[in-house]
Protein backbone atom coordinates (compact mmCIF):
# COMPACT_ATOMS: atom_id res chain seq x y z
CA UNK A 1 -17.96 -28.88 -0.13
CA UNK A 2 -21.17 -28.12 -2.46
CA UNK A 3 -22.28 -24.89 -3.59
CA UNK A 4 -25.47 -24.69 -4.72
CA UNK A 5 -25.27 -20.71 -5.43
CA UNK A 6 -22.66 -21.41 -8.02
CA UNK A 7 -23.59 -22.57 -11.58
CA UNK A 8 -20.37 -23.81 -13.41
CA UNK A 9 -18.70 -26.18 -15.43
CA UNK A 10 -15.55 -26.07 -13.66
CA UNK A 11 -15.63 -24.81 -9.43
CA UNK A 12 -12.91 -24.33 -7.43
CA UNK A 13 -13.04 -23.11 -4.32
CA UNK A 14 -10.24 -22.33 -2.02
CA UNK A 15 -10.14 -23.13 1.83
CA UNK A 16 -11.86 -20.70 4.42
CA UNK A 17 -13.81 -18.90 1.97
CA UNK A 18 -17.25 -17.98 2.96
CA UNK A 19 -19.58 -17.19 0.04
CA UNK A 20 -22.88 -16.26 1.53
CA UNK A 21 -26.18 -18.18 0.38
CA UNK A 22 -27.83 -15.30 -1.32
CA UNK A 23 -25.12 -14.47 -3.46
CA UNK A 24 -25.50 -15.51 -6.95
CA UNK A 25 -22.44 -17.18 -9.14
CA UNK A 26 -23.53 -18.24 -12.71
CA UNK A 27 -22.96 -18.08 -16.64
CA UNK A 28 -24.41 -15.68 -19.00
CA UNK A 29 -26.50 -18.18 -20.47
CA UNK A 30 -26.97 -20.84 -17.79
CA UNK A 31 -23.70 -22.98 -16.34
CA UNK A 32 -20.47 -20.78 -16.43
CA UNK A 33 -17.50 -22.24 -18.00
CA UNK A 34 -15.08 -21.92 -15.20
CA UNK A 35 -15.07 -20.13 -11.36
CA UNK A 36 -12.13 -19.84 -9.57
CA UNK A 37 -12.36 -18.11 -6.33
CA UNK A 38 -9.14 -18.41 -3.99
CA UNK A 39 -8.55 -18.99 -0.19
CA UNK A 40 -10.17 -17.01 2.95
CA UNK A 41 -12.20 -14.90 0.41
CA UNK A 42 -15.54 -13.36 1.22
CA UNK A 43 -18.48 -12.99 -1.36
CA UNK A 44 -21.47 -11.23 0.54
CA UNK A 45 -25.20 -11.28 0.35
CA UNK A 46 -27.01 -10.58 -2.66
CA UNK A 47 -23.68 -10.42 -4.70
CA UNK A 48 -24.29 -11.30 -8.76
CA UNK A 49 -21.74 -12.32 -10.76
CA UNK A 50 -22.73 -13.57 -14.39
CA UNK A 51 -19.56 -14.24 -16.39
CA UNK A 52 -18.66 -17.22 -17.98
CA UNK A 53 -14.85 -17.32 -16.89
CA UNK A 54 -14.23 -15.63 -13.63
CA UNK A 55 -11.03 -15.70 -11.30
CA UNK A 56 -10.78 -13.69 -7.68
CA UNK A 57 -7.32 -14.16 -6.02
CA UNK A 58 -6.47 -15.30 -1.95
CA UNK A 59 -7.74 -13.19 0.91
CA UNK A 60 -10.21 -10.82 -1.59
CA UNK A 61 -13.84 -9.63 -0.13
CA UNK A 62 -16.78 -8.89 -2.78
CA UNK A 63 -19.12 -6.98 -0.62
CA UNK A 64 -23.07 -6.86 -0.62
CA UNK A 65 -25.21 -6.16 -3.81
CA UNK A 66 -22.16 -5.69 -6.17
CA UNK A 67 -22.51 -6.97 -9.32
CA UNK A 68 -20.01 -8.62 -11.88
CA UNK A 69 -21.14 -9.39 -15.50
CA UNK A 70 -19.60 -9.96 -18.86
CA UNK A 71 -18.97 -11.98 -21.62
CA UNK A 72 -15.19 -11.74 -21.65
CA UNK A 73 -13.27 -13.02 -18.66
CA UNK A 74 -12.86 -11.00 -15.15
CA UNK A 75 -9.66 -11.91 -13.03
CA UNK A 76 -9.49 -10.41 -9.56
CA UNK A 77 -5.89 -10.64 -8.20
CA UNK A 78 -5.04 -11.54 -4.45
CA UNK A 79 -6.30 -8.86 -1.33
CA UNK A 80 -8.64 -6.92 -3.61
CA UNK A 81 -11.47 -5.33 -1.51
CA UNK A 82 -14.54 -4.42 -3.42
CA UNK A 83 -17.34 -1.94 -1.64
CA UNK A 84 -20.97 -2.77 -1.52
CA UNK A 85 -22.94 -1.75 -4.58
CA UNK A 86 -20.30 -2.28 -6.94
CA UNK A 87 -20.71 -2.91 -10.68
CA UNK A 88 -17.59 -4.51 -12.71
CA UNK A 89 -18.45 -4.38 -16.21
CA UNK A 90 -16.31 -7.45 -18.20
CA UNK A 91 -18.23 -7.11 -21.55
CA UNK A 92 -14.93 -5.63 -23.06
CA UNK A 93 -12.65 -8.23 -20.53
CA UNK A 94 -11.45 -7.28 -17.22
CA UNK A 95 -8.31 -7.61 -15.40
CA UNK A 96 -7.55 -6.39 -11.96
CA UNK A 97 -4.37 -6.49 -10.02
CA UNK A 98 -2.99 -8.00 -7.02
CA UNK A 99 -4.07 -5.65 -4.05
CA UNK A 100 -6.55 -3.72 -5.87
CA UNK A 101 -9.16 -1.62 -3.73
CA UNK A 102 -12.31 -0.29 -5.38
CA UNK A 103 -14.67 1.76 -3.18
CA UNK A 104 -18.39 1.61 -2.72
CA UNK A 105 -21.05 2.81 -5.12
CA UNK A 106 -18.05 2.76 -7.93
CA UNK A 107 -18.72 1.26 -11.57
CA UNK A 108 -16.12 0.05 -14.13
CA UNK A 109 -17.26 -0.05 -17.23
CA UNK A 110 -15.59 -2.11 -20.35
CA UNK A 111 -18.02 -1.13 -22.86
CA UNK A 112 -20.21 1.71 -24.02
CA UNK A 113 -23.16 0.40 -25.71
CA UNK A 114 -26.92 1.48 -26.18
CA UNK A 115 -27.53 3.74 -28.93
CA UNK A 116 -29.12 3.23 -32.43
CA UNK A 117 -26.28 2.25 -34.84
CA UNK A 118 -28.80 2.07 -37.70
CA UNK A 119 -30.04 5.39 -36.86
CA UNK A 120 -26.21 6.50 -36.74
CA UNK A 121 -25.26 6.64 -33.15
CA UNK A 122 -21.88 6.67 -33.34
CA UNK A 123 -20.74 5.05 -29.82
CA UNK A 124 -20.33 1.60 -29.77
CA UNK A 125 -17.56 -0.11 -28.42
CA UNK A 126 -15.86 -2.74 -26.21
CA UNK A 127 -12.42 -2.31 -25.06
CA UNK A 128 -10.67 -4.11 -22.29
CA UNK A 129 -10.41 -2.83 -18.78
CA UNK A 130 -6.99 -3.00 -17.24
CA UNK A 131 -6.20 -2.53 -13.62
CA UNK A 132 -2.68 -2.69 -12.43
CA UNK A 133 -1.31 -3.72 -8.73
CA UNK A 134 -2.16 -1.64 -5.57
CA UNK A 135 -4.58 0.57 -7.49
CA UNK A 136 -7.22 2.22 -5.42
CA UNK A 137 -10.76 3.78 -6.56
CA UNK A 138 -11.43 5.65 -3.33
CA UNK A 139 -15.19 5.29 -3.72
CA UNK A 140 -18.50 6.18 -6.09
CA UNK A 141 -16.21 6.28 -9.00
CA UNK A 142 -17.05 5.95 -12.59
CA UNK A 143 -14.29 4.21 -14.78
CA UNK A 144 -14.21 3.95 -18.38
CA UNK A 145 -12.02 1.58 -20.33
CA UNK A 146 -8.77 2.59 -19.27
CA UNK A 147 -5.45 1.23 -18.31
CA UNK A 148 -4.52 1.89 -14.68
CA UNK A 149 -0.90 1.28 -14.15
CA UNK A 150 0.07 0.14 -10.62
CA UNK A 151 -0.29 2.43 -7.70
CA UNK A 152 -2.58 4.87 -8.93
CA UNK A 153 -5.55 6.23 -7.45
CA UNK A 154 -8.76 7.86 -8.08
CA UNK A 155 -10.11 9.73 -5.14
CA UNK A 156 -13.96 9.83 -3.97
CA UNK A 157 -16.39 10.62 -7.20
CA UNK A 158 -13.96 10.73 -9.49
CA UNK A 159 -15.29 9.91 -13.33
CA UNK A 160 -11.90 8.78 -14.83
CA UNK A 161 -12.11 8.45 -18.69
CA UNK A 162 -8.46 8.43 -19.65
CA UNK A 163 -5.40 5.93 -18.57
CA UNK A 164 -4.13 6.27 -14.92
CA UNK A 165 -0.24 7.02 -14.60
CA UNK A 166 2.31 5.10 -12.53
CA UNK A 167 1.73 6.17 -8.64
CA UNK A 168 -0.17 9.16 -9.51
CA UNK A 169 -3.68 10.56 -7.88
CA UNK A 170 -6.69 11.94 -9.69
CA UNK A 171 -9.96 13.65 -8.98
CA UNK A 172 -12.55 15.00 -10.82
CA UNK A 173 -14.64 15.07 -13.58
CA UNK A 174 -13.46 14.16 -15.85
CA UNK A 175 -10.80 13.15 -13.52
CA UNK A 176 -7.40 14.54 -14.07
CA UNK A 177 -3.78 14.23 -12.27
CA UNK A 178 -3.60 16.06 -9.05
CA UNK A 179 -0.34 14.67 -8.10
CA UNK A 180 1.64 18.08 -8.31
CA UNK A 181 -0.35 19.33 -5.62
CA UNK A 182 -1.10 16.83 -3.23
CA UNK A 183 1.91 14.27 -4.13
CA UNK A 184 1.57 10.64 -5.01
CA UNK A 185 -0.10 7.51 -3.17
CA UNK A 186 3.04 5.70 -2.32
CA UNK A 187 5.96 7.14 -1.36
CA UNK A 188 9.23 5.03 -1.36
CA UNK A 189 10.07 2.82 1.73
CA UNK A 190 13.62 1.24 2.08
CA UNK A 191 14.06 -2.31 2.44
CA UNK A 192 15.36 -2.08 6.13
CA UNK A 193 12.66 0.31 7.35
CA UNK A 194 9.54 -2.48 5.37
CA UNK A 195 11.73 -5.32 7.38
CA UNK A 196 11.62 -3.07 10.99
CA UNK A 197 7.71 -2.47 10.48
CA UNK A 198 7.13 -5.97 9.79
CA UNK A 199 9.07 -6.86 12.85
CA UNK A 200 6.95 -4.56 15.04
CA UNK A 201 3.56 -6.15 13.50
CA UNK A 202 4.99 -9.86 14.27
CA UNK A 203 5.12 -8.65 17.65
CA UNK A 204 1.73 -6.94 17.57
CA UNK A 205 0.32 -10.01 16.76
CA UNK A 206 1.79 -12.65 18.37
CA UNK A 207 6.14 -12.66 18.68
CA UNK A 208 5.80 -16.28 19.91
CA UNK A 209 4.89 -17.95 16.85
CA UNK A 210 7.68 -20.13 15.04
CA UNK A 211 5.94 -20.45 11.85
CA UNK A 212 6.58 -17.01 10.33
CA UNK A 213 9.67 -15.38 9.62
CA UNK A 214 10.45 -11.58 8.00
CA UNK A 215 13.00 -11.78 5.27
CA UNK A 216 14.55 -9.24 3.13
CA UNK A 217 15.55 -11.85 0.86
CA UNK A 218 15.18 -15.66 -0.39
CA UNK A 219 18.65 -16.03 -0.46
CA UNK A 220 18.95 -15.63 4.07
CA UNK A 221 16.52 -19.26 4.14
CA UNK A 222 15.40 -22.76 3.33
CA UNK A 223 12.61 -21.20 1.15
CA UNK A 224 11.39 -25.02 0.38
CA UNK A 225 10.98 -25.51 4.44
CA UNK A 226 7.15 -26.10 4.01
CA UNK A 227 6.93 -25.68 7.53
CA UNK A 228 7.53 -22.17 7.99
CA UNK A 229 5.93 -18.86 6.11
CA UNK A 230 8.69 -16.36 4.82
CA UNK A 231 7.46 -13.06 4.54
CA UNK A 232 9.82 -11.57 1.92
CA UNK A 233 9.64 -7.87 2.53
CA UNK A 234 11.53 -6.74 -0.87
CA UNK A 235 9.14 -8.35 -3.55
CA UNK A 236 6.39 -8.84 -1.25
CA UNK A 237 5.90 -12.21 -1.69
CA UNK A 238 4.79 -15.11 0.98
CA UNK A 239 5.61 -18.54 0.60
CA UNK A 240 2.48 -20.14 1.34
CA UNK A 241 1.88 -22.75 3.33
CA UNK A 242 -2.09 -22.29 4.57
CA UNK A 243 -1.26 -22.85 8.38
CA UNK A 244 -3.55 -21.11 11.01
CA UNK A 245 -0.59 -19.05 11.92
CA UNK A 246 -0.22 -17.83 8.24
CA UNK A 247 -3.68 -17.04 8.15
CA UNK A 248 -3.98 -15.56 11.32
CA UNK A 249 -1.35 -13.05 10.37
CA UNK A 250 -2.30 -12.53 6.77
CA UNK A 251 -5.86 -11.34 8.41
CA UNK A 252 -4.02 -9.38 10.81
CA UNK A 253 -2.17 -7.37 8.00
CA UNK A 254 -4.97 -6.65 5.56
CA UNK A 255 -6.50 -4.48 4.69
CA UNK A 256 -4.12 -1.66 5.37
CA UNK A 257 -0.96 -3.05 7.23
CA UNK A 258 1.10 -4.99 4.47
CA UNK A 259 0.15 -6.78 1.53
CA UNK A 260 1.78 -9.84 0.32
CA UNK A 261 0.95 -12.49 -2.56
CA UNK A 262 2.03 -15.97 -3.07
CA UNK A 263 5.76 -16.67 -3.99
CA UNK A 264 5.55 -17.87 -7.89
CA UNK A 265 1.93 -17.20 -8.37
């Protein structure tokens, strides 16, 4: 398929991905070097991605009027949800892990640059933004170059200026951890409980399918069987076949029932 709104030397767009005609994907000065967009993604109206090296994982959504820009690579993992009117800056480089949510009107910045350095302005920096897996910026968040560890969370309206610790919840301006008051984003869940919940999801979705199997370990089955999508509740991976049942089930699970990423990705 030809995408007239992608201007790049190398273009990889996965199956069942929708890119609205009004979206624009290009490089900083003309053609990008590489644009890679996974399967079953959605890029909304008037989204602008101006980056020489950009990638987006499977089942990710970038909602309307979002702007992604920067000189250095911007890498976004699987199952991302990027809300409308969000800004993602990659001048200092930006990496966003799997299963991340960035709520509407948020701003993710990897640089500070404007003041006249000849005149003595002290504020000029570019620093990589590193956002781990399962991180959630709820909405209207402003984030300066930090490391957000896995499962960390910033509540609505947070101004984040310092690194975020594993599974802690932050709020305020400047944002501070409030996990000692309200707890953590994720509770530890036993594997058997995850398995039973996934079995209930199968029944809610379509309990008749023979193409989907829920497992606790890859040692239980022939993981190389290309006719079956195995969903492993222990490591949150699935064996990607791309069959219709798998796609339907993944869409049923997302965004808030369960998130899985392809095995060996």
